[in-house]
Amino acid sequence: GQGVIASVNAGILWNDAAYYDNGQPNHAIVVTGVSRDPHTGDIQGFYINDSGTGNSGEFVEAAQFQTGWLETGGLSGVTDAMRPAVDGPA
């Protein structure tokens, strides 16, 4: 229920050496959801919106996300609370 923007290494996330640069975070994505195993609760992966590829709702497996985000020193910004739903135009 919170907004998340994560800094990642685009080369790792896209599996494209041309965007690896020096291996540090070089791109930002919006995390829109998480997929968990229904029996164990283990994280299977994340759904993201990526302005670099133009893809929305893209699934990234947990191991690839961890390598491209956490292991490259990436950071994330997380909102304090979700914006309440409103009726009609915002």
C-alpha atoms as a PDB file:
ATOM      1  CA  GLY A   1       0.000   0.000   0.000  1.00  0.00           C
ATOM      2  CA  GLN A   2       3.003   2.348  -0.271  1.00  0.00           C
ATOM      3  CA  GLY A   3       4.757   3.911  -3.255  1.00  0.00           C
ATOM      4  CA  VAL A   4       8.301   2.729  -3.983  1.00  0.00           C
ATOM      5  CA  ILE A   5      10.925   4.113  -6.343  1.00  0.00           C
ATOM      6  CA  ALA A   6      14.151   2.092  -6.518  1.00  0.00           C
ATOM      7  CA  SER A   7      17.520   3.003  -8.006  1.00  0.00           C
ATOM      8  CA  VAL A   8      18.915   0.045  -9.931  1.00  0.00           C
ATOM      9  CA  ASN A   9      21.631  -0.863 -12.399  1.00  0.00           C
ATOM     10  CA  ALA A  10      19.847  -0.878 -15.772  1.00  0.00           C
ATOM     11  CA  GLY A  11      22.317  -3.304 -17.353  1.00  0.00           C
ATOM     12  CA  ILE A  12      21.560  -5.960 -14.762  1.00  0.00           C
ATOM     13  CA  LEU A  13      17.829  -5.335 -14.776  1.00  0.00           C
ATOM     14  CA  TRP A  14      17.636  -5.410 -18.588  1.00  0.00           C
ATOM     15  CA  ASN A  15      20.299  -8.127 -18.983  1.00  0.00           C
ATOM     16  CA  ASP A  16      22.149  -5.772 -21.361  1.00  0.00           C
ATOM     17  CA  ALA A  17      25.879  -5.109 -20.883  1.00  0.00           C
ATOM     18  CA  ALA A  18      25.606  -1.852 -22.856  1.00  0.00           C
ATOM     19  CA  TYR A  19      23.842  -0.302 -19.841  1.00  0.00           C
ATOM     20  CA  TYR A  20      26.004  -1.772 -17.084  1.00  0.00           C
ATOM     21  CA  ASP A  21      28.308   1.302 -16.880  1.00  0.00           C
ATOM     22  CA  ASN A  22      30.440   0.938 -13.721  1.00  0.00           C
ATOM     23  CA  GLY A  23      28.000  -1.439 -11.989  1.00  0.00           C
ATOM     24  CA  GLN A  24      26.507   1.236  -9.752  1.00  0.00           C
ATOM     25  CA  PRO A  25      22.858   2.317  -9.762  1.00  0.00           C
ATOM     26  CA  ASN A  26      22.164   4.307 -12.934  1.00  0.00           C
ATOM     27  CA  HIS A  27      18.388   4.134 -13.413  1.00  0.00           C
ATOM     28  CA  ALA A  28      15.172   4.474 -11.387  1.00  0.00           C
ATOM     29  CA  ILE A  29      12.075   2.290 -11.579  1.00  0.00           C
ATOM     30  CA  VAL A  30       8.713   2.261  -9.810  1.00  0.00           C
ATOM     31  CA  VAL A  31       7.856  -0.906  -7.898  1.00  0.00           C
ATOM     32  CA  THR A  32       4.129  -1.564  -8.273  1.00  0.00           C
ATOM     33  CA  GLY A  33       3.733  -4.935  -6.577  1.00  0.00           C
ATOM     34  CA  VAL A  34       5.311  -8.006  -5.050  1.00  0.00           C
ATOM     35  CA  SER A  35       4.658 -11.671  -5.804  1.00  0.00           C
ATOM     36  CA  ARG A  36       4.856 -14.145  -2.915  1.00  0.00           C
ATOM     37  CA  ASP A  37       4.625 -17.909  -2.805  1.00  0.00           C
ATOM     38  CA  PRO A  38       1.114 -18.600  -1.453  1.00  0.00           C
ATOM     39  CA  HIS A  39       2.342 -21.437   0.772  1.00  0.00           C
ATOM     40  CA  THR A  40       5.613 -20.112   2.189  1.00  0.00           C
ATOM     41  CA  GLY A  41       5.273 -16.359   1.789  1.00  0.00           C
ATOM     42  CA  ASP A  42       8.713 -16.231   0.135  1.00  0.00           C
ATOM     43  CA  ILE A  43       9.154 -13.354  -2.305  1.00  0.00           C
ATOM     44  CA  GLN A  44       9.167 -14.618  -5.893  1.00  0.00           C
ATOM     45  CA  GLY A  45       9.643 -11.289  -7.619  1.00  0.00           C
ATOM     46  CA  PHE A  46       8.423  -7.770  -8.180  1.00  0.00           C
ATOM     47  CA  TYR A  47       6.224  -5.956 -10.664  1.00  0.00           C
ATOM     48  CA  ILE A  48       7.710  -2.727 -11.945  1.00  0.00           C
ATOM     49  CA  ASN A  49       7.038   0.214 -14.234  1.00  0.00           C
ATOM     50  CA  ASP A  50      10.180   1.066 -16.183  1.00  0.00           C
ATOM     51  CA  SER A  51      10.428   4.313 -18.139  1.00  0.00           C
ATOM     52  CA  GLY A  52      13.675   3.110 -19.740  1.00  0.00           C
ATOM     53  CA  THR A  53      11.973   0.244 -21.567  1.00  0.00           C
ATOM     54  CA  GLY A  54       8.463   1.688 -21.623  1.00  0.00           C
ATOM     55  CA  ASN A  55       7.181  -1.472 -19.933  1.00  0.00           C
ATOM     56  CA  SER A  56       4.588  -1.320 -17.193  1.00  0.00           C
ATOM     57  CA  GLY A  57       3.565  -4.201 -14.982  1.00  0.00           C
ATOM     58  CA  GLU A  58       6.778  -6.042 -15.896  1.00  0.00           C
ATOM     59  CA  PHE A  59       7.689  -9.002 -13.659  1.00  0.00           C
ATOM     60  CA  VAL A  60      11.293  -9.226 -12.424  1.00  0.00           C
ATOM     61  CA  GLU A  61      12.384 -12.320 -10.513  1.00  0.00           C
ATOM     62  CA  ALA A  62      13.554 -11.706  -6.946  1.00  0.00           C
ATOM     63  CA  ALA A  63      17.174 -12.791  -7.544  1.00  0.00           C
ATOM     64  CA  GLN A  64      17.600 -10.494 -10.566  1.00  0.00           C
ATOM     65  CA  PHE A  65      15.981  -7.592  -8.712  1.00  0.00           C
ATOM     66  CA  GLN A  66      18.247  -8.110  -5.695  1.00  0.00           C
ATOM     67  CA  THR A  67      21.351  -8.187  -7.887  1.00  0.00           C
ATOM     68  CA  GLY A  68      20.336  -5.073  -9.843  1.00  0.00           C
ATOM     69  CA  TRP A  69      19.182  -3.106  -6.820  1.00  0.00           C
ATOM     70  CA  LEU A  70      20.567  -4.119  -3.445  1.00  0.00           C
ATOM     71  CA  GLU A  71      23.891  -5.612  -4.509  1.00  0.00           C
ATOM     72  CA  THR A  72      24.791  -2.540  -6.601  1.00  0.00           C
ATOM     73  CA  GLY A  73      24.212  -0.211  -3.666  1.00  0.00           C
ATOM     74  CA  GLY A  74      20.845   0.980  -4.904  1.00  0.00           C
ATOM     75  CA  LEU A  75      18.529   2.905  -2.667  1.00  0.00           C
ATOM     76  CA  SER A  76      14.775   3.221  -2.556  1.00  0.00           C
ATOM     77  CA  GLY A  77      12.303   5.873  -1.626  1.00  0.00           C
ATOM     78  CA  VAL A  78       9.122   4.713   0.096  1.00  0.00           C
ATOM     79  CA  THR A  79       6.086   6.846   0.829  1.00  0.00           C
ATOM     80  CA  ASP A  80       4.791   7.068   4.371  1.00  0.00           C
ATOM     81  CA  ALA A  81       1.216   6.222   3.423  1.00  0.00           C
ATOM     82  CA  MET A  82      -0.945   5.446   0.472  1.00  0.00           C
ATOM     83  CA  ARG A  83      -3.072   8.257  -0.945  1.00  0.00           C
ATOM     84  CA  PRO A  84      -6.703   7.634  -0.045  1.00  0.00           C
ATOM     85  CA  ALA A  85      -9.059   6.777  -2.888  1.00  0.00           C
ATOM     86  CA  VAL A  86     -11.321   9.599  -4.018  1.00  0.00           C
ATOM     87  CA  ASP A  87     -14.571   9.592  -5.929  1.00  0.00           C
ATOM     88  CA  GLY A  88     -14.462  11.450  -9.202  1.00  0.00           C
ATOM     89  CA  PRO A  89     -11.592  13.392 -10.769  1.00  0.00           C
ATOM     90  CA  ALA A  90      -8.617  14.203  -8.559  1.00  0.00           C
END
